[in-house]
Amino acid sequence: MSTPSCEVRINDQMNGRQLQFAALLTPGNLDDAEVINLYVEQRGTLSALDAAIVAAPDAHVDTYAKLADRLREVLRNESPELIEQSVLGVSTCVSMRIELSTGGPGDWLEAELDEREVLAVSYHFNDWFDHAERRVMPGTALWQLAEYFAETVTLP
C-alpha cells in the first residue's frame, strides 16, 4: 500500500503544527487537561502524587485545578526553551523579485537566495485579478537571469 501524497496529507500536518506551537506559545490559553497533557508530552512524566491526581480528576477537583495552574506556570516559564527544542533548525534566506513588466498583464520572477546562491525561482504572470505561477527549472534562461541579478545587485 502506498503512502498518500503530501498534497493529501499537508492539511493534517499543518493543523498539527498549528496546535503544537499554539500550545507552546500561549500555554495560558489551554484548559486544565490540555496543560497537563502538554506538560507530560514535553517532560515525559509526572510525579507519583501528580499522576494520582490526574488519574482521578473528579476525586481531586480543587487539587487538579491547582496542579494544572502550577504546570501552566512551569510551561510559561520554560516556553522559549521548549519552542527552540521543538524546531529542527532556523535558516534565513533572501527573496529577490525581478519585475519584468507591470500590470495589463504583468510578469516577474521571484528567486529565493542563500547568500548569493539561487535556491529556487518561480515565474509569475498576472492580469488584473488573475494570477498564475510556475516553477523555473535550473539552467534555463530565466534561472540564469535570476543568477545574474543575485551576483550583481546589492542584497540586504
Protein backbone atom coordinates (compact mmCIF):
# COMPACT_ATOMS: atom_id res chain seq x y z
CA MET A 1 0.00 0.00 0.00
CA SER A 2 1.45 3.38 -0.98
CA THR A 3 1.67 6.41 1.25
CA PRO A 4 -0.76 9.21 0.30
CA SER A 5 0.84 12.20 -1.41
CA CYS A 6 1.97 15.25 0.53
CA GLU A 7 -0.87 17.22 -1.12
CA VAL A 8 -3.32 14.85 0.57
CA ARG A 9 -1.50 14.91 3.93
CA ILE A 10 -0.46 18.57 4.22
CA ASN A 11 -3.59 19.95 5.92
CA ASP A 12 -3.43 17.42 8.77
CA GLN A 13 0.31 18.03 9.21
CA MET A 14 -0.10 21.81 9.21
CA ASN A 15 -3.01 21.67 11.66
CA GLY A 16 -0.93 19.50 14.00
CA ARG A 17 1.93 22.01 13.91
CA GLN A 18 -0.53 24.86 14.45
CA LEU A 19 -1.84 23.17 17.61
CA GLN A 20 1.65 22.26 18.81
CA PHE A 21 3.01 25.79 18.59
CA ALA A 22 -0.19 27.50 19.74
CA ALA A 23 0.13 25.47 22.94
CA LEU A 24 3.81 26.31 23.37
CA LEU A 25 3.43 29.99 22.52
CA THR A 26 0.32 30.59 24.65
CA PRO A 27 0.00 27.93 27.39
CA GLY A 28 -2.29 30.29 29.32
CA ASN A 29 -5.00 29.67 26.70
CA LEU A 30 -5.09 25.91 27.35
CA ASP A 31 -7.69 24.26 29.54
CA ASP A 32 -6.52 22.18 32.51
CA ALA A 33 -6.47 18.84 30.69
CA GLU A 34 -4.58 20.32 27.71
CA VAL A 35 -1.96 21.85 30.02
CA ILE A 36 -1.40 18.56 31.80
CA ASN A 37 -1.18 16.64 28.50
CA LEU A 38 1.28 19.16 27.05
CA TYR A 39 3.41 19.02 30.20
CA VAL A 40 3.54 15.21 30.08
CA GLU A 41 4.26 15.32 26.34
CA GLN A 42 7.18 17.72 26.88
CA ARG A 43 8.53 16.21 30.12
CA GLY A 44 7.52 12.60 29.67
CA THR A 45 6.42 12.11 33.28
CA LEU A 46 4.63 13.39 36.35
CA SER A 47 5.46 12.77 39.98
CA ALA A 48 3.58 9.86 41.61
CA LEU A 49 1.35 12.30 43.52
CA ASP A 50 0.57 14.36 40.39
CA ALA A 51 -0.10 11.18 38.41
CA ALA A 52 -2.59 10.04 41.06
CA ILE A 53 -4.40 13.38 40.84
CA VAL A 54 -4.54 13.17 37.05
CA ALA A 55 -5.75 9.55 37.18
CA ALA A 56 -8.80 10.54 39.25
CA PRO A 57 -9.55 14.21 38.50
CA ASP A 58 -13.15 14.00 39.79
CA ALA A 59 -11.90 12.88 43.19
CA HIS A 60 -9.40 15.77 43.35
CA VAL A 61 -11.21 18.68 41.65
CA ASP A 62 -9.51 21.52 43.54
CA THR A 63 -6.13 19.80 43.56
CA TYR A 64 -6.45 19.02 39.84
CA ALA A 65 -7.06 22.71 39.04
CA LYS A 66 -4.13 23.76 41.24
CA LEU A 67 -1.90 21.17 39.56
CA ALA A 68 -2.91 22.49 36.13
CA ASP A 69 -2.19 26.07 37.23
CA ARG A 70 1.25 25.05 38.54
CA LEU A 71 2.10 23.16 35.34
CA ARG A 72 0.78 26.05 33.24
CA GLU A 73 3.22 28.35 35.04
CA VAL A 74 6.09 25.90 34.51
CA LEU A 75 5.27 25.74 30.79
CA ARG A 76 5.00 29.52 30.57
CA ASN A 77 8.45 29.90 32.17
CA GLU A 78 10.02 27.17 30.02
CA SER A 79 8.20 28.13 26.82
CA PRO A 80 11.15 29.68 24.96
CA GLU A 81 13.30 26.63 25.63
CA LEU A 82 10.51 24.22 24.66
CA ILE A 83 9.84 26.13 21.45
CA GLU A 84 13.51 26.00 20.47
CA GLN A 85 13.69 22.26 21.25
CA SER A 86 10.62 21.67 19.06
CA VAL A 87 12.24 23.13 15.95
CA LEU A 88 14.87 21.28 13.93
CA GLY A 89 16.62 24.47 12.88
CA VAL A 90 16.16 28.01 11.67
CA SER A 91 17.65 29.38 8.49
CA THR A 92 17.12 32.62 6.70
CA CYS A 93 17.08 33.41 3.03
CA VAL A 94 16.51 36.44 0.88
CA SER A 95 13.68 36.66 -1.61
CA MET A 96 14.52 38.69 -4.70
CA ARG A 97 11.83 39.93 -7.07
CA ILE A 98 12.78 40.76 -10.64
CA GLU A 99 9.99 42.80 -12.21
CA LEU A 100 9.76 42.19 -15.93
CA SER A 101 6.60 44.21 -16.64
CA THR A 102 3.78 45.88 -14.74
CA GLY A 103 0.05 45.35 -15.00
CA GLY A 104 -2.09 44.70 -18.00
CA PRO A 105 -0.60 41.93 -18.00
CA GLY A 106 2.41 41.90 -15.69
CA ASP A 107 5.10 39.35 -15.02
CA TRP A 108 8.03 38.87 -12.69
CA LEU A 109 10.45 36.35 -11.24
CA GLU A 110 10.82 35.55 -7.57
CA ALA A 111 14.12 33.98 -6.57
CA GLU A 112 14.96 32.53 -3.19
CA LEU A 113 18.61 33.09 -2.32
CA ASP A 114 21.05 31.78 0.25
CA GLU A 115 23.79 34.38 0.29
CA ARG A 116 24.11 34.80 -3.49
CA GLU A 117 23.23 31.25 -4.45
CA VAL A 118 19.88 30.84 -6.20
CA LEU A 119 17.89 28.09 -4.49
CA ALA A 120 14.54 28.40 -6.27
CA VAL A 121 12.93 30.56 -8.93
CA SER A 122 9.29 31.00 -9.85
CA TYR A 123 7.79 32.91 -12.78
CA HIS A 124 4.61 34.91 -12.06
CA PHE A 125 2.08 36.21 -14.57
CA ASN A 126 -0.92 38.33 -13.68
CA ASP A 127 -3.68 40.13 -15.49
CA TRP A 128 -5.97 42.22 -13.32
CA PHE A 129 -7.48 39.85 -10.74
CA ASP A 130 -5.98 36.66 -12.13
CA HIS A 131 -2.57 35.18 -11.26
CA ALA A 132 -0.57 32.12 -12.20
CA GLU A 133 2.90 30.95 -11.32
CA ARG A 134 5.29 28.28 -12.49
CA ARG A 135 8.48 26.86 -11.07
CA VAL A 136 11.53 27.71 -13.18
CA MET A 137 13.96 24.88 -13.83
CA PRO A 138 17.71 25.31 -13.19
CA GLY A 139 19.81 26.00 -16.26
CA THR A 140 17.04 27.79 -18.16
CA ALA A 141 17.38 31.41 -19.31
CA LEU A 142 15.01 32.64 -16.59
CA TRP A 143 17.04 30.83 -13.90
CA GLN A 144 20.22 32.33 -15.36
CA LEU A 145 18.61 35.78 -15.23
CA ALA A 146 17.98 35.27 -11.51
CA GLU A 147 21.60 34.15 -11.05
CA TYR A 148 22.80 37.25 -12.89
CA PHE A 149 20.93 39.60 -10.54
CA ALA A 150 21.85 37.53 -7.47
CA GLU A 151 25.50 38.23 -8.31
CA THR A 152 25.15 41.89 -9.29
CA VAL A 153 22.56 43.61 -7.08
CA THR A 154 23.16 44.88 -3.56
CA LEU A 155 21.44 42.48 -1.17
CA PRO A 156 20.18 43.38 2.30
